[in-house]
Protein backbone atom coordinates (compact mmCIF):
# COMPACT_ATOMS: atom_id res chain seq x y z
CA MET A 1 -0.94 31.78 -8.52
CA PRO A 2 -2.99 29.89 -11.52
CA GLU A 3 -6.27 28.32 -10.66
CA TRP A 4 -5.77 25.14 -12.42
CA TRP A 5 -3.16 23.86 -9.74
CA LEU A 6 -6.62 23.63 -7.65
CA GLU A 7 -8.18 21.60 -10.03
CA ALA A 8 -4.95 19.15 -10.24
CA MET A 9 -4.35 19.03 -6.79
CA LEU A 10 -7.87 18.50 -5.22
CA PRO A 11 -8.51 14.83 -6.46
CA GLY A 12 -5.17 13.61 -5.11
CA ILE A 13 -5.23 15.35 -2.12
CA THR A 14 -9.00 13.68 -1.35
CA PHE A 15 -8.05 10.42 -2.33
CA THR A 16 -5.13 10.45 0.06
CA ILE A 17 -6.98 11.92 3.06
CA LEU A 18 -9.63 9.23 2.23
CA PHE A 19 -6.93 6.53 2.07
CA ILE A 20 -5.33 7.42 5.35
CA ILE A 21 -8.66 7.95 7.10
CA TRP A 22 -9.48 4.17 5.80
CA ILE A 23 -6.52 2.56 7.02
CA VAL A 24 -6.45 4.41 10.59
CA LEU A 25 -10.12 3.75 11.58
CA PRO A 26 -10.19 0.93 13.77
CA SER A 27 -11.39 -2.28 11.93
CA ARG A 28 -13.71 -4.92 13.32
CA PRO A 29 -12.12 -7.91 15.06
CA GLU A 30 -12.48 -10.21 12.09
CA GLU A 31 -12.47 -7.99 9.20
CA PRO A 32 -10.38 -9.90 6.12
CA ASP A 33 -10.46 -7.26 3.86
CA ILE A 34 -7.18 -4.93 2.03
CA GLY A 35 -7.41 -2.34 4.94
CA SER A 36 -7.00 -4.45 7.53
CA LYS A 37 -3.89 -6.35 5.67
CA ILE A 38 -2.84 -2.85 5.13
CA ARG A 39 -3.06 -1.76 8.70
CA MET A 40 -1.19 -4.92 9.72
CA LEU A 41 1.48 -4.11 7.64
CA PHE A 42 1.84 -0.42 8.84
CA LYS A 43 1.41 -1.80 12.67
CA ASP A 44 3.66 -4.65 11.94
CA ASP A 45 1.07 -7.19 13.44
CA LYS A 46 1.53 -10.77 12.13
CA ASN A 47 -1.63 -12.42 13.19
CA ASP A 48 -2.36 -14.45 10.37
């Protein structure tokens, strides 16, 4: 297996994992950032 695939895939995998963790972690009650909006979109919670 070629070695370049690790260099090509590692940044994408790292970003994806960190992005998922950022969305999955519980938010503070009045947190108005983009992470909260994405969480609400996935949870289908319309508390605007």
